[in-house]
């Protein structure tokens, strides 16, 4: 363990679902923070210095200094800014990637294959950054109603009171709460024993795709209703690719990182409607 308990933390992607949870945890710990996003919020937690920055443009941190950084948005945005982070004093970096690096590498969707390639390239750049780095590859993230998987399904169900399936929906899933990911990232900042390592990281429960969707119905107080559309997987592009993955096992060996960090991920939708955020209203 290193003595970084009071060091300033730079958070990139600070208004995304994982970024918000990271800021909350750092604020509770009284840690100084510099938060980057395109549009800083009008209301904020205490102790945060906000910088309005677009990671699609060259990153100018001005006189800002930080010892540690967490990149909590698309990993492909990070490589052009690694030199700027080093110049700002960052020596410890935790970067969120995704298991999509593997699961979408052979997708029928060219756009998804492109995402997988960009994730792989970003991880390679991080590994060559010269900083003490750790990469976390989450599975399917949920928790604040901002994701495009569980929350998108909840919005569809709330509006239409059914959900389409291409097949039986037997593919395995391990949804992971954004705040559990934040807990892991914050713990890793002060733990050099995990530097230079990458981890797949998932939630505390493994279930079929259908069971994952059924639980959304139950949380919303609705009877589960599914419409079988066998041809859905043949639709070109992302819709077809998503339908095909409903039958694919996307589970990972999840115990190592949680055990090593001394953390326990929560079960799926443990907080009920609160875990769906605005998607439940």
Foldseek 3Di string as FASTA:
>chain_A
DAPCLAWEEEEEPLPDQLNVLLQVVCLVSVHAYEYEEQDDDPDDRPRYHYDRDDLVDADDPDQAATQEYEYDDELLSPLNCLVVNVVSNHQEYEYEYALLLPVQCPFLAPVSVVSNVSSVVSVVSQLVSNHQYEYEHEYAEFFAQRDCPLLVLLLVCVVPVAEEALDPLFAKAFYFYSNLVSVLVVLVRRDSVRGSYYYYAGAQDMGGRLVSSCLSCVLLVGHYHYDHDNCQLVDPHDRNRVNVCSNHHPDDDHPVSCVVSVHHGDHPCPVRPNRNHPSSD
